[in-house]
Amino acid sequence: MMMKKINFKQLLVLIVVLLVSAPVFAEKAPKILFKMATIAPRGSFMMEQIDKMDAEIRAQTNNEVGIKLYYGSVQGDEKEVLSKIRLGQLHGGTFTGSGLGRIVPEVRVTEMPYVFMNYDEVEYVRKKLRPYMNQRFKEEGYIVLGWNEIGFVYTFSQEPITSLESAQARKWWQWEDDPLSKAMFDAFGITPVPLSFTDVMTSLSTRLIDTASITPYGAVAFHWFDRFDYMSEYPVTNVQGATIVSKRIWNKVSPESQEKILKICQPYFDRLSEKSREQDKKSIEVLKKSGIEIVRFDPESGTLEFVFETSKKARENLVGKLYSRELLDQTLSLLEEYRKAHPGSMIEKVE
């Protein structure tokens, strides 16, 4: 049986049709790929935002730069990720204040416990301090691609905490090597259990710890809430986050692309902050429905006044260790500046 001959024109048409209809099997690799890591879980809103940001960066830089982000602590906790960045195994990552403080301790000044009452206060002060913080990270060998707010942190426990005595009786988690939380625990006479973030869930299951502080969304996303029965009414602090990249790889990027990347990134992280607030509000409702009780403070007991005064002593003890007197005074001055312009600010407590 003879095959039908195909002339040159027919063959050309066939090739074109095949090329047009063929699926794209792989995206062309960018010239420079930022390999980064995060403790944020896969499937989170952060993943969605980073994916979109990556696509825009590739498009705007003509595929000179792209981002690959490893999720869910697969590269280890923040301490391990920083170690890998220094060794050149990773180029950057998204970090909480605890991780960022390992590079620039002063960044923790806006995470001082029991200072900020609501989101607007936090946002106002942090934006004012950003130029200084960006410069400090640059001096330490990193470029900040964008800042975001992780959210207000509340205390979760297996027994209600209504007094100093009940707090001292609990087995608290302290983020390993975190000087800010250590100063707070020292001020309150509490001996915590230092652990990496990735060890918390196991330690709750084995009852090595029975109390920990985290955002409402974090408590739900990481399933910590299954191990708790109570949640504090008042937030302890507001945690900030940032995504950074090592200058070693950043300096390989053309100046034109560097400028484009910095303009592209921050709006994505602003949306991430907004989403975090929404997720925390929804998560509080999930926590309530799960049976977690909100621990209310008796306004006549004087407990809150004691907490605020003790927290003040703790932050004073960190002057010269974590931040300078000048930076602390500037931070508190900016806060006072905002409050004078916005009287009647409400605290972000759980209703």
C-alpha atoms as a PDB file:
ATOM      1  CA  MET A   1       0.000   0.000   0.000  1.00  0.00           C
ATOM      2  CA  MET A   2       1.513   3.301  -1.119  1.00  0.00           C
ATOM      3  CA  MET A   3       1.467   6.394   1.073  1.00  0.00           C
ATOM      4  CA  LYS A   4      -0.047   9.553  -0.308  1.00  0.00           C
ATOM      5  CA  LYS A   5       2.607  12.086  -1.182  1.00  0.00           C
ATOM      6  CA  ILE A   6       2.582  15.412   0.661  1.00  0.00           C
ATOM      7  CA  ASN A   7       3.973  18.399  -1.221  1.00  0.00           C
ATOM      8  CA  PHE A   8       6.172  21.058   0.405  1.00  0.00           C
ATOM      9  CA  LYS A   9       3.342  23.560   0.955  1.00  0.00           C
ATOM     10  CA  GLN A  10       1.170  20.952   2.721  1.00  0.00           C
ATOM     11  CA  LEU A  11       4.106  19.927   4.898  1.00  0.00           C
ATOM     12  CA  LEU A  12       4.719  23.529   5.920  1.00  0.00           C
ATOM     13  CA  VAL A  13       1.049  24.009   6.869  1.00  0.00           C
ATOM     14  CA  LEU A  14       1.124  20.796   8.912  1.00  0.00           C
ATOM     15  CA  ILE A  15       4.216  21.931  10.855  1.00  0.00           C
ATOM     16  CA  VAL A  16       2.633  25.319  11.637  1.00  0.00           C
ATOM     17  CA  VAL A  17      -0.567  23.690  12.887  1.00  0.00           C
ATOM     18  CA  LEU A  18       1.392  21.337  15.139  1.00  0.00           C
ATOM     19  CA  LEU A  19       3.466  24.166  16.581  1.00  0.00           C
ATOM     20  CA  VAL A  20       0.448  26.348  17.281  1.00  0.00           C
ATOM     21  CA  SER A  21      -1.590  23.584  18.903  1.00  0.00           C
ATOM     22  CA  ALA A  22       1.227  21.985  20.881  1.00  0.00           C
ATOM     23  CA  PRO A  23       1.099  22.567  24.649  1.00  0.00           C
ATOM     24  CA  VAL A  24       3.808  24.588  26.329  1.00  0.00           C
ATOM     25  CA  PHE A  25       5.605  21.989  28.393  1.00  0.00           C
ATOM     26  CA  ALA A  26       7.952  24.237  30.318  1.00  0.00           C
ATOM     27  CA  GLU A  27       8.368  27.923  30.914  1.00  0.00           C
ATOM     28  CA  LYS A  28      11.717  29.336  29.888  1.00  0.00           C
ATOM     29  CA  ALA A  29      13.955  29.653  32.932  1.00  0.00           C
ATOM     30  CA  PRO A  30      14.863  33.214  33.932  1.00  0.00           C
ATOM     31  CA  LYS A  31      18.474  34.333  33.678  1.00  0.00           C
ATOM     32  CA  ILE A  32      18.568  34.872  37.476  1.00  0.00           C
ATOM     33  CA  LEU A  33      16.358  32.821  39.811  1.00  0.00           C
ATOM     34  CA  PHE A  34      15.905  33.968  43.407  1.00  0.00           C
ATOM     35  CA  LYS A  35      15.607  30.780  45.478  1.00  0.00           C
ATOM     36  CA  MET A  36      13.755  31.703  48.654  1.00  0.00           C
ATOM     37  CA  ALA A  37      11.975  30.021  51.567  1.00  0.00           C
ATOM     38  CA  THR A  38       9.185  30.670  54.072  1.00  0.00           C
ATOM     39  CA  ILE A  39       7.481  29.016  57.029  1.00  0.00           C
ATOM     40  CA  ALA A  40       4.110  30.058  55.549  1.00  0.00           C
ATOM     41  CA  PRO A  41       2.019  27.021  54.541  1.00  0.00           C
ATOM     42  CA  ARG A  42       1.495  26.004  50.930  1.00  0.00           C
ATOM     43  CA  GLY A  43      -1.875  27.153  49.622  1.00  0.00           C
ATOM     44  CA  SER A  44      -1.801  30.345  51.677  1.00  0.00           C
ATOM     45  CA  PHE A  45      -2.591  33.790  50.284  1.00  0.00           C
ATOM     46  CA  MET A  46       1.134  34.504  50.402  1.00  0.00           C
ATOM     47  CA  MET A  47       1.697  31.763  47.838  1.00  0.00           C
ATOM     48  CA  GLU A  48      -0.880  33.350  45.549  1.00  0.00           C
ATOM     49  CA  GLN A  49       0.682  36.808  45.883  1.00  0.00           C
ATOM     50  CA  ILE A  50       4.264  35.605  45.373  1.00  0.00           C
ATOM     51  CA  ASP A  51       3.230  33.647  42.277  1.00  0.00           C
ATOM     52  CA  LYS A  52       1.605  36.750  40.785  1.00  0.00           C
ATOM     53  CA  MET A  53       4.560  38.913  41.763  1.00  0.00           C
ATOM     54  CA  ASP A  54       6.950  36.429  40.177  1.00  0.00           C
ATOM     55  CA  ALA A  55       4.988  36.503  36.914  1.00  0.00           C
ATOM     56  CA  GLU A  56       5.044  40.307  36.824  1.00  0.00           C
ATOM     57  CA  ILE A  57       8.756  40.469  37.618  1.00  0.00           C
ATOM     58  CA  ARG A  58       9.550  38.004  34.825  1.00  0.00           C
ATOM     59  CA  ALA A  59       7.440  40.011  32.383  1.00  0.00           C
ATOM     60  CA  GLN A  60       8.757  43.444  33.370  1.00  0.00           C
ATOM     61  CA  THR A  61      12.423  42.347  33.395  1.00  0.00           C
ATOM     62  CA  ASN A  62      12.119  40.416  30.124  1.00  0.00           C
ATOM     63  CA  ASN A  63      12.705  37.171  32.051  1.00  0.00           C
ATOM     64  CA  GLU A  64      15.950  38.401  33.560  1.00  0.00           C
ATOM     65  CA  VAL A  65      14.687  37.640  37.095  1.00  0.00           C
ATOM     66  CA  GLY A  66      12.277  35.128  38.598  1.00  0.00           C
ATOM     67  CA  ILE A  67      11.390  33.813  42.072  1.00  0.00           C
ATOM     68  CA  LYS A  68      11.119  30.266  43.399  1.00  0.00           C
ATOM     69  CA  LEU A  69       9.701  30.116  46.921  1.00  0.00           C
ATOM     70  CA  TYR A  70       9.820  26.985  49.091  1.00  0.00           C
ATOM     71  CA  TYR A  71       6.805  26.840  51.431  1.00  0.00           C
ATOM     72  CA  GLY A  72       5.841  25.234  54.718  1.00  0.00           C
ATOM     73  CA  SER A  73       9.274  25.135  56.407  1.00  0.00           C
ATOM     74  CA  VAL A  74      10.586  22.552  53.930  1.00  0.00           C
ATOM     75  CA  GLN A  75      13.905  24.412  54.095  1.00  0.00           C
ATOM     76  CA  GLY A  76      13.744  24.534  57.898  1.00  0.00           C
ATOM     77  CA  ASP A  77      12.790  27.266  60.350  1.00  0.00           C
ATOM     78  CA  GLU A  78      13.897  30.885  59.962  1.00  0.00           C
ATOM     79  CA  LYS A  79      17.237  30.284  61.690  1.00  0.00           C
ATOM     80  CA  GLU A  80      18.040  27.444  59.279  1.00  0.00           C
ATOM     81  CA  VAL A  81      16.929  29.464  56.255  1.00  0.00           C
ATOM     82  CA  LEU A  82      19.236  32.328  57.226  1.00  0.00           C
ATOM     83  CA  SER A  83      22.096  29.869  57.604  1.00  0.00           C
ATOM     84  CA  LYS A  84      21.421  28.518  54.095  1.00  0.00           C
ATOM     85  CA  ILE A  85      21.345  32.053  52.687  1.00  0.00           C
ATOM     86  CA  ARG A  86      24.737  32.790  54.233  1.00  0.00           C
ATOM     87  CA  LEU A  87      26.099  29.557  52.758  1.00  0.00           C
ATOM     88  CA  GLY A  88      24.682  30.470  49.344  1.00  0.00           C
ATOM     89  CA  GLN A  89      22.264  27.529  49.236  1.00  0.00           C
ATOM     90  CA  LEU A  90      19.324  29.969  49.219  1.00  0.00           C
ATOM     91  CA  HIS A  91      19.160  33.614  48.157  1.00  0.00           C
ATOM     92  CA  GLY A  92      16.467  34.989  50.426  1.00  0.00           C
ATOM     93  CA  GLY A  93      13.165  34.380  52.133  1.00  0.00           C
ATOM     94  CA  THR A  94      10.105  35.746  53.855  1.00  0.00           C
ATOM     95  CA  PHE A  95      10.623  36.276  57.577  1.00  0.00           C
ATOM     96  CA  THR A  96       8.808  37.255  60.744  1.00  0.00           C
ATOM     97  CA  GLY A  97      10.277  39.818  63.121  1.00  0.00           C
ATOM     98  CA  SER A  98      12.143  37.085  64.983  1.00  0.00           C
ATOM     99  CA  GLY A  99      14.063  36.067  61.863  1.00  0.00           C
ATOM    100  CA  LEU A 100      14.589  39.640  60.702  1.00  0.00           C
ATOM    101  CA  GLY A 101      15.962  40.518  64.128  1.00  0.00           C
ATOM    102  CA  ARG A 102      18.779  38.015  63.643  1.00  0.00           C
ATOM    103  CA  ILE A 103      20.057  40.321  60.907  1.00  0.00           C
ATOM    104  CA  VAL A 104      19.020  43.762  62.157  1.00  0.00           C
ATOM    105  CA  PRO A 105      18.071  43.660  65.862  1.00  0.00           C
ATOM    106  CA  GLU A 106      16.616  47.212  65.747  1.00  0.00           C
ATOM    107  CA  VAL A 107      13.761  46.032  63.516  1.00  0.00           C
ATOM    108  CA  ARG A 108      12.117  44.562  66.625  1.00  0.00           C
ATOM    109  CA  VAL A 109      11.448  48.045  68.058  1.00  0.00           C
ATOM    110  CA  THR A 110       7.940  48.045  66.555  1.00  0.00           C
ATOM    111  CA  GLU A 111       7.175  44.631  68.056  1.00  0.00           C
ATOM    112  CA  MET A 112       7.513  45.752  71.664  1.00  0.00           C
ATOM    113  CA  PRO A 113       4.714  44.057  73.650  1.00  0.00           C
ATOM    114  CA  TYR A 114       1.696  46.053  74.811  1.00  0.00           C
ATOM    115  CA  VAL A 115       2.636  49.268  72.966  1.00  0.00           C
ATOM    116  CA  PHE A 116       0.462  49.438  69.827  1.00  0.00           C
ATOM    117  CA  MET A 117      -3.314  49.284  70.164  1.00  0.00           C
ATOM    118  CA  ASN A 118      -4.460  48.861  66.566  1.00  0.00           C
ATOM    119  CA  TYR A 119      -3.469  48.370  62.936  1.00  0.00           C
ATOM    120  CA  ASP A 120      -3.474  52.053  62.002  1.00  0.00           C
ATOM    121  CA  GLU A 121      -0.967  52.918  64.731  1.00  0.00           C
ATOM    122  CA  VAL A 122       1.360  50.114  63.670  1.00  0.00           C
ATOM    123  CA  GLU A 123       1.154  51.007  59.996  1.00  0.00           C
ATOM    124  CA  TYR A 124       1.820  54.709  60.604  1.00  0.00           C
ATOM    125  CA  VAL A 125       4.946  54.150  62.707  1.00  0.00           C
ATOM    126  CA  ARG A 126       6.424  51.386  60.557  1.00  0.00           C
ATOM    127  CA  LYS A 127       6.079  53.344  57.331  1.00  0.00           C
ATOM    128  CA  LYS A 128       7.908  56.260  58.913  1.00  0.00           C
ATOM    129  CA  LEU A 129      10.752  53.958  59.975  1.00  0.00           C
ATOM    130  CA  ARG A 130      11.034  52.022  56.698  1.00  0.00           C
ATOM    131  CA  PRO A 131      13.779  54.134  55.059  1.00  0.00           C
ATOM    132  CA  TYR A 132      15.998  53.648  58.101  1.00  0.00           C
ATOM    133  CA  MET A 133      15.280  49.913  58.291  1.00  0.00           C
ATOM    134  CA  ASN A 134      15.873  49.438  54.532  1.00  0.00           C
ATOM    135  CA  GLN A 135      19.254  51.085  54.908  1.00  0.00           C
ATOM    136  CA  ARG A 136      20.180  48.957  57.916  1.00  0.00           C
ATOM    137  CA  PHE A 137      19.402  45.734  56.035  1.00  0.00           C
ATOM    138  CA  LYS A 138      21.445  46.965  53.078  1.00  0.00           C
ATOM    139  CA  GLU A 139      24.378  47.578  55.409  1.00  0.00           C
ATOM    140  CA  GLU A 140      24.075  43.973  56.594  1.00  0.00           C
ATOM    141  CA  GLY A 141      24.083  42.588  53.053  1.00  0.00           C
ATOM    142  CA  TYR A 142      20.366  42.298  52.229  1.00  0.00           C
ATOM    143  CA  ILE A 143      17.785  44.074  50.094  1.00  0.00           C
ATOM    144  CA  VAL A 144      14.214  44.335  51.383  1.00  0.00           C
ATOM    145  CA  LEU A 145      11.846  43.520  48.520  1.00  0.00           C
ATOM    146  CA  GLY A 146       8.790  44.351  50.600  1.00  0.00           C
ATOM    147  CA  TRP A 147       7.362  44.765  54.096  1.00  0.00           C
ATOM    148  CA  ASN A 148       4.162  43.174  55.317  1.00  0.00           C
ATOM    149  CA  GLU A 149       2.216  42.858  58.519  1.00  0.00           C
ATOM    150  CA  ILE A 150       1.745  39.370  59.923  1.00  0.00           C
ATOM    151  CA  GLY A 151      -0.758  40.550  62.513  1.00  0.00           C
ATOM    152  CA  PHE A 152      -1.624  40.909  66.165  1.00  0.00           C
ATOM    153  CA  VAL A 153      -0.506  38.034  68.360  1.00  0.00           C
ATOM    154  CA  TYR A 154      -2.663  36.652  71.172  1.00  0.00           C
ATOM    155  CA  THR A 155      -1.846  34.204  73.946  1.00  0.00           C
ATOM    156  CA  PHE A 156      -3.325  30.707  73.654  1.00  0.00           C
ATOM    157  CA  SER A 157      -3.297  28.375  76.640  1.00  0.00           C
ATOM    158  CA  GLN A 158      -4.700  25.160  78.060  1.00  0.00           C
ATOM    159  CA  GLU A 159      -5.711  26.892  81.295  1.00  0.00           C
ATOM    160  CA  PRO A 160      -7.097  30.438  81.717  1.00  0.00           C
ATOM    161  CA  ILE A 161      -4.488  33.119  82.483  1.00  0.00           C
ATOM    162  CA  THR A 162      -6.043  35.808  84.681  1.00  0.00           C
ATOM    163  CA  SER A 163      -3.191  36.790  86.985  1.00  0.00           C
ATOM    164  CA  LEU A 164       0.589  36.858  87.293  1.00  0.00           C
ATOM    165  CA  GLU A 165       0.461  33.703  89.394  1.00  0.00           C
ATOM    166  CA  SER A 166      -1.531  31.800  86.771  1.00  0.00           C
ATOM    167  CA  ALA A 167       0.869  33.015  84.076  1.00  0.00           C
ATOM    168  CA  GLN A 168       3.915  31.866  86.040  1.00  0.00           C
ATOM    169  CA  ALA A 169       2.356  28.417  86.481  1.00  0.00           C
ATOM    170  CA  ARG A 170       2.145  27.841  82.719  1.00  0.00           C
ATOM    171  CA  LYS A 171       4.723  26.215  80.417  1.00  0.00           C
ATOM    172  CA  TRP A 172       5.280  28.940  77.811  1.00  0.00           C
ATOM    173  CA  TRP A 173       6.815  28.595  74.372  1.00  0.00           C
ATOM    174  CA  GLN A 174       9.551  31.090  73.618  1.00  0.00           C
ATOM    175  CA  TRP A 175      10.855  31.404  70.075  1.00  0.00           C
ATOM    176  CA  GLU A 176      14.402  30.078  70.294  1.00  0.00           C
ATOM    177  CA  ASP A 177      17.090  32.774  70.737  1.00  0.00           C
ATOM    178  CA  ASP A 178      14.529  35.590  70.703  1.00  0.00           C
ATOM    179  CA  PRO A 179      15.834  38.435  72.934  1.00  0.00           C
ATOM    180  CA  LEU A 180      12.598  40.435  72.836  1.00  0.00           C
ATOM    181  CA  SER A 181      10.362  37.700  74.236  1.00  0.00           C
ATOM    182  CA  LYS A 182      13.110  36.662  76.682  1.00  0.00           C
ATOM    183  CA  ALA A 183      13.168  40.192  78.129  1.00  0.00           C
ATOM    184  CA  MET A 184       9.403  40.028  78.588  1.00  0.00           C
ATOM    185  CA  PHE A 185       9.471  36.637  80.290  1.00  0.00           C
ATOM    186  CA  ASP A 186      12.294  37.767  82.564  1.00  0.00           C
ATOM    187  CA  ALA A 187      10.328  40.866  83.569  1.00  0.00           C
ATOM    188  CA  PHE A 188       7.311  38.733  84.516  1.00  0.00           C
ATOM    189  CA  GLY A 189       9.342  36.077  86.306  1.00  0.00           C
ATOM    190  CA  ILE A 190       8.398  33.360  83.811  1.00  0.00           C
ATOM    191  CA  THR A 191      10.768  30.577  82.769  1.00  0.00           C
ATOM    192  CA  PRO A 192       9.809  29.654  79.187  1.00  0.00           C
ATOM    193  CA  VAL A 193      10.759  26.693  76.997  1.00  0.00           C
ATOM    194  CA  PRO A 194      12.887  27.869  74.030  1.00  0.00           C
ATOM    195  CA  LEU A 195      11.936  26.004  70.847  1.00  0.00           C
ATOM    196  CA  SER A 196      12.127  26.476  67.102  1.00  0.00           C
ATOM    197  CA  PHE A 197       8.822  27.221  65.373  1.00  0.00           C
ATOM    198  CA  THR A 198       8.775  23.789  63.755  1.00  0.00           C
ATOM    199  CA  ASP A 199       8.962  22.062  67.158  1.00  0.00           C
ATOM    200  CA  VAL A 200       5.926  23.777  68.689  1.00  0.00           C
ATOM    201  CA  MET A 201       3.195  21.404  67.510  1.00  0.00           C
ATOM    202  CA  THR A 202       5.021  18.297  68.747  1.00  0.00           C
ATOM    203  CA  SER A 203       5.807  19.997  72.056  1.00  0.00           C
ATOM    204  CA  LEU A 204       2.140  20.876  72.544  1.00  0.00           C
ATOM    205  CA  SER A 205       1.196  17.239  71.910  1.00  0.00           C
ATOM    206  CA  THR A 206       3.737  15.972  74.448  1.00  0.00           C
ATOM    207  CA  ARG A 207       2.792  18.760  76.906  1.00  0.00           C
ATOM    208  CA  LEU A 208       6.339  20.071  77.019  1.00  0.00           C
ATOM    209  CA  ILE A 209       4.550  23.419  76.618  1.00  0.00           C
ATOM    210  CA  ASP A 210       0.929  24.380  77.211  1.00  0.00           C
ATOM    211  CA  THR A 211       0.943  28.095  76.315  1.00  0.00           C
ATOM    212  CA  ALA A 212       2.025  29.944  73.161  1.00  0.00           C
ATOM    213  CA  SER A 213       1.446  33.226  71.375  1.00  0.00           C
ATOM    214  CA  ILE A 214       0.490  33.428  67.705  1.00  0.00           C
ATOM    215  CA  THR A 215      -1.926  35.222  65.379  1.00  0.00           C
ATOM    216  CA  PRO A 216      -5.488  33.830  65.159  1.00  0.00           C
ATOM    217  CA  TYR A 217      -4.896  32.847  61.535  1.00  0.00           C
ATOM    218  CA  GLY A 218      -1.637  31.142  62.466  1.00  0.00           C
ATOM    219  CA  ALA A 219      -3.371  29.193  65.226  1.00  0.00           C
ATOM    220  CA  VAL A 220      -5.857  27.859  62.671  1.00  0.00           C
ATOM    221  CA  ALA A 221      -3.509  27.390  59.708  1.00  0.00           C
ATOM    222  CA  PHE A 222      -0.937  25.421  61.719  1.00  0.00           C
ATOM    223  CA  HIS A 223      -3.650  23.576  63.717  1.00  0.00           C
ATOM    224  CA  TRP A 224      -2.295  24.761  67.051  1.00  0.00           C
ATOM    225  CA  PHE A 225      -5.812  25.652  68.198  1.00  0.00           C
ATOM    226  CA  ASP A 226      -6.587  21.934  68.559  1.00  0.00           C
ATOM    227  CA  ARG A 227      -4.275  21.932  71.573  1.00  0.00           C
ATOM    228  CA  PHE A 228      -5.744  24.966  73.367  1.00  0.00           C
ATOM    229  CA  ASP A 229      -8.885  25.851  75.287  1.00  0.00           C
ATOM    230  CA  TYR A 230      -8.334  29.563  75.985  1.00  0.00           C
ATOM    231  CA  MET A 231      -7.287  32.727  74.179  1.00  0.00           C
ATOM    232  CA  SER A 232      -6.398  36.145  75.602  1.00  0.00           C
ATOM    233  CA  GLU A 233      -8.711  39.089  75.063  1.00  0.00           C
ATOM    234  CA  TYR A 234      -5.903  41.603  74.516  1.00  0.00           C
ATOM    235  CA  PRO A 235      -3.146  41.249  71.898  1.00  0.00           C
ATOM    236  CA  VAL A 236       0.448  40.947  73.083  1.00  0.00           C
ATOM    237  CA  THR A 237       2.138  42.519  70.083  1.00  0.00           C
ATOM    238  CA  ASN A 238       1.912  43.027  66.345  1.00  0.00           C
ATOM    239  CA  VAL A 239       4.382  40.991  64.312  1.00  0.00           C
ATOM    240  CA  GLN A 240       5.832  42.402  61.144  1.00  0.00           C
ATOM    241  CA  GLY A 241       7.284  40.521  58.221  1.00  0.00           C
ATOM    242  CA  ALA A 242       9.547  41.237  55.289  1.00  0.00           C
ATOM    243  CA  THR A 243      10.882  39.479  52.236  1.00  0.00           C
ATOM    244  CA  ILE A 244      14.593  39.918  51.747  1.00  0.00           C
ATOM    245  CA  VAL A 245      17.208  38.828  49.233  1.00  0.00           C
ATOM    246  CA  SER A 246      20.973  38.648  49.577  1.00  0.00           C
ATOM    247  CA  LYS A 247      22.984  41.414  47.931  1.00  0.00           C
ATOM    248  CA  ARG A 248      25.259  38.737  46.486  1.00  0.00           C
ATOM    249  CA  ILE A 249      22.609  37.748  43.959  1.00  0.00           C
ATOM    250  CA  TRP A 250      20.896  41.154  43.872  1.00  0.00           C
ATOM    251  CA  ASN A 251      24.101  42.743  42.554  1.00  0.00           C
ATOM    252  CA  LYS A 252      23.969  40.393  39.561  1.00  0.00           C
ATOM    253  CA  VAL A 253      20.674  41.994  38.484  1.00  0.00           C
ATOM    254  CA  SER A 254      20.851  44.932  36.081  1.00  0.00           C
ATOM    255  CA  PRO A 255      20.149  48.375  37.629  1.00  0.00           C
ATOM    256  CA  GLU A 256      17.110  48.784  35.383  1.00  0.00           C
ATOM    257  CA  SER A 257      15.595  45.519  36.599  1.00  0.00           C
ATOM    258  CA  GLN A 258      16.449  46.293  40.231  1.00  0.00           C
ATOM    259  CA  GLU A 259      14.436  49.498  40.001  1.00  0.00           C
ATOM    260  CA  LYS A 260      11.496  47.698  38.402  1.00  0.00           C
ATOM    261  CA  ILE A 261      11.494  44.900  40.987  1.00  0.00           C
ATOM    262  CA  LEU A 262      11.400  47.288  43.949  1.00  0.00           C
ATOM    263  CA  LYS A 263       8.462  49.154  42.399  1.00  0.00           C
ATOM    264  CA  ILE A 264       6.607  45.923  41.652  1.00  0.00           C
ATOM    265  CA  CYS A 265       6.952  44.189  45.031  1.00  0.00           C
ATOM    266  CA  GLN A 266       5.579  46.453  47.792  1.00  0.00           C
ATOM    267  CA  PRO A 267       1.964  46.640  46.469  1.00  0.00           C
ATOM    268  CA  TYR A 268       1.787  42.829  46.630  1.00  0.00           C
ATOM    269  CA  PHE A 269       2.921  42.864  50.249  1.00  0.00           C
ATOM    270  CA  ASP A 270       0.428  45.626  51.059  1.00  0.00           C
ATOM    271  CA  ARG A 271      -2.338  43.351  49.771  1.00  0.00           C
ATOM    272  CA  LEU A 272      -0.862  40.537  51.835  1.00  0.00           C
ATOM    273  CA  SER A 273      -1.149  42.713  54.952  1.00  0.00           C
ATOM    274  CA  GLU A 274      -4.770  43.547  54.173  1.00  0.00           C
ATOM    275  CA  LYS A 275      -5.559  39.877  53.630  1.00  0.00           C
ATOM    276  CA  SER A 276      -3.857  38.945  56.920  1.00  0.00           C
ATOM    277  CA  ARG A 277      -6.231  41.248  58.784  1.00  0.00           C
ATOM    278  CA  GLU A 278      -9.240  39.694  57.057  1.00  0.00           C
ATOM    279  CA  GLN A 279      -8.000  36.183  57.763  1.00  0.00           C
ATOM    280  CA  ASP A 280      -7.417  36.973  61.448  1.00  0.00           C
ATOM    281  CA  LYS A 281     -10.984  38.248  61.844  1.00  0.00           C
ATOM    282  CA  LYS A 282     -12.416  35.147  60.173  1.00  0.00           C
ATOM    283  CA  SER A 283     -10.099  32.908  62.191  1.00  0.00           C
ATOM    284  CA  ILE A 284     -11.307  34.399  65.479  1.00  0.00           C
ATOM    285  CA  GLU A 285     -14.811  33.262  64.579  1.00  0.00           C
ATOM    286  CA  VAL A 286     -13.479  29.796  63.717  1.00  0.00           C
ATOM    287  CA  LEU A 287     -11.691  29.650  67.074  1.00  0.00           C
ATOM    288  CA  LYS A 288     -14.825  30.624  68.969  1.00  0.00           C
ATOM    289  CA  LYS A 289     -16.889  28.004  67.147  1.00  0.00           C
ATOM    290  CA  SER A 290     -14.248  25.392  67.937  1.00  0.00           C
ATOM    291  CA  GLY A 291     -14.911  25.977  71.642  1.00  0.00           C
ATOM    292  CA  ILE A 292     -12.000  28.220  72.584  1.00  0.00           C
ATOM    293  CA  GLU A 293     -12.972  30.623  75.369  1.00  0.00           C
ATOM    294  CA  ILE A 294     -11.872  34.260  75.450  1.00  0.00           C
ATOM    295  CA  VAL A 295     -10.224  35.206  78.748  1.00  0.00           C
ATOM    296  CA  ARG A 296     -11.553  38.607  79.861  1.00  0.00           C
ATOM    297  CA  PHE A 297      -9.640  40.885  82.218  1.00  0.00           C
ATOM    298  CA  ASP A 298     -11.466  42.487  85.121  1.00  0.00           C
ATOM    299  CA  PRO A 299     -10.869  46.251  84.633  1.00  0.00           C
ATOM    300  CA  GLU A 300     -11.001  46.725  88.416  1.00  0.00           C
ATOM    301  CA  SER A 301      -8.314  44.140  89.148  1.00  0.00           C
ATOM    302  CA  GLY A 302      -5.366  46.302  88.118  1.00  0.00           C
ATOM    303  CA  THR A 303      -3.936  43.404  86.101  1.00  0.00           C
ATOM    304  CA  LEU A 304      -3.718  45.343  82.844  1.00  0.00           C
ATOM    305  CA  GLU A 305      -1.964  48.274  84.513  1.00  0.00           C
ATOM    306  CA  PHE A 306       0.571  45.853  85.985  1.00  0.00           C
ATOM    307  CA  VAL A 307       1.116  44.241  82.558  1.00  0.00           C
ATOM    308  CA  PHE A 308       1.669  47.600  80.859  1.00  0.00           C
ATOM    309  CA  GLU A 309       4.100  48.828  83.524  1.00  0.00           C
ATOM    310  CA  THR A 310       6.082  45.584  83.527  1.00  0.00           C
ATOM    311  CA  SER A 311       6.247  45.647  79.719  1.00  0.00           C
ATOM    312  CA  LYS A 312       7.606  49.186  79.891  1.00  0.00           C
ATOM    313  CA  LYS A 313      10.429  47.996  82.175  1.00  0.00           C
ATOM    314  CA  ALA A 314      11.198  45.171  79.751  1.00  0.00           C
ATOM    315  CA  ARG A 315      11.560  47.470  76.750  1.00  0.00           C
ATOM    316  CA  GLU A 316      13.742  49.836  78.753  1.00  0.00           C
ATOM    317  CA  ASN A 317      16.015  46.918  79.617  1.00  0.00           C
ATOM    318  CA  LEU A 318      16.582  46.313  75.895  1.00  0.00           C
ATOM    319  CA  VAL A 319      17.995  49.787  75.225  1.00  0.00           C
ATOM    320  CA  GLY A 320      21.567  49.354  74.071  1.00  0.00           C
ATOM    321  CA  LYS A 321      21.009  45.633  73.500  1.00  0.00           C
ATOM    322  CA  LEU A 322      18.323  45.452  70.826  1.00  0.00           C
ATOM    323  CA  TYR A 323      17.893  49.103  69.840  1.00  0.00           C
ATOM    324  CA  SER A 324      19.254  52.513  70.756  1.00  0.00           C
ATOM    325  CA  ARG A 325      17.647  55.010  73.096  1.00  0.00           C
ATOM    326  CA  GLU A 326      17.255  57.339  70.121  1.00  0.00           C
ATOM    327  CA  LEU A 327      15.358  54.750  68.058  1.00  0.00           C
ATOM    328  CA  LEU A 328      13.089  53.788  70.970  1.00  0.00           C
ATOM    329  CA  ASP A 329      12.273  57.453  71.660  1.00  0.00           C
ATOM    330  CA  GLN A 330      11.641  58.080  67.957  1.00  0.00           C
ATOM    331  CA  THR A 331       9.256  55.103  67.780  1.00  0.00           C
ATOM    332  CA  LEU A 332       7.274  56.185  70.832  1.00  0.00           C
ATOM    333  CA  SER A 333       7.245  59.786  69.594  1.00  0.00           C
ATOM    334  CA  LEU A 334       5.773  58.718  66.253  1.00  0.00           C
ATOM    335  CA  LEU A 335       3.133  56.705  68.108  1.00  0.00           C
ATOM    336  CA  GLU A 336       2.228  59.720  70.232  1.00  0.00           C
ATOM    337  CA  GLU A 337       2.136  61.872  67.091  1.00  0.00           C
ATOM    338  CA  TYR A 338      -0.426  59.528  65.535  1.00  0.00           C
ATOM    339  CA  ARG A 339      -2.571  59.343  68.676  1.00  0.00           C
ATOM    340  CA  LYS A 340      -2.746  63.125  68.989  1.00  0.00           C
ATOM    341  CA  ALA A 341      -3.950  63.347  65.396  1.00  0.00           C
ATOM    342  CA  HIS A 342      -6.411  60.466  65.916  1.00  0.00           C
ATOM    343  CA  PRO A 343      -7.922  60.692  69.411  1.00  0.00           C
ATOM    344  CA  GLY A 344     -10.186  57.886  70.547  1.00  0.00           C
ATOM    345  CA  SER A 345      -8.222  55.041  68.945  1.00  0.00           C
ATOM    346  CA  MET A 346      -9.584  51.657  69.985  1.00  0.00           C
ATOM    347  CA  ILE A 347      -7.579  48.604  70.987  1.00  0.00           C
ATOM    348  CA  GLU A 348      -7.689  45.535  68.747  1.00  0.00           C
ATOM    349  CA  LYS A 349      -9.094  43.195  71.391  1.00  0.00           C
ATOM    350  CA  VAL A 350     -11.214  40.127  70.793  1.00  0.00           C
ATOM    351  CA  GLU A 351     -14.913  40.862  71.273  1.00  0.00           C
END
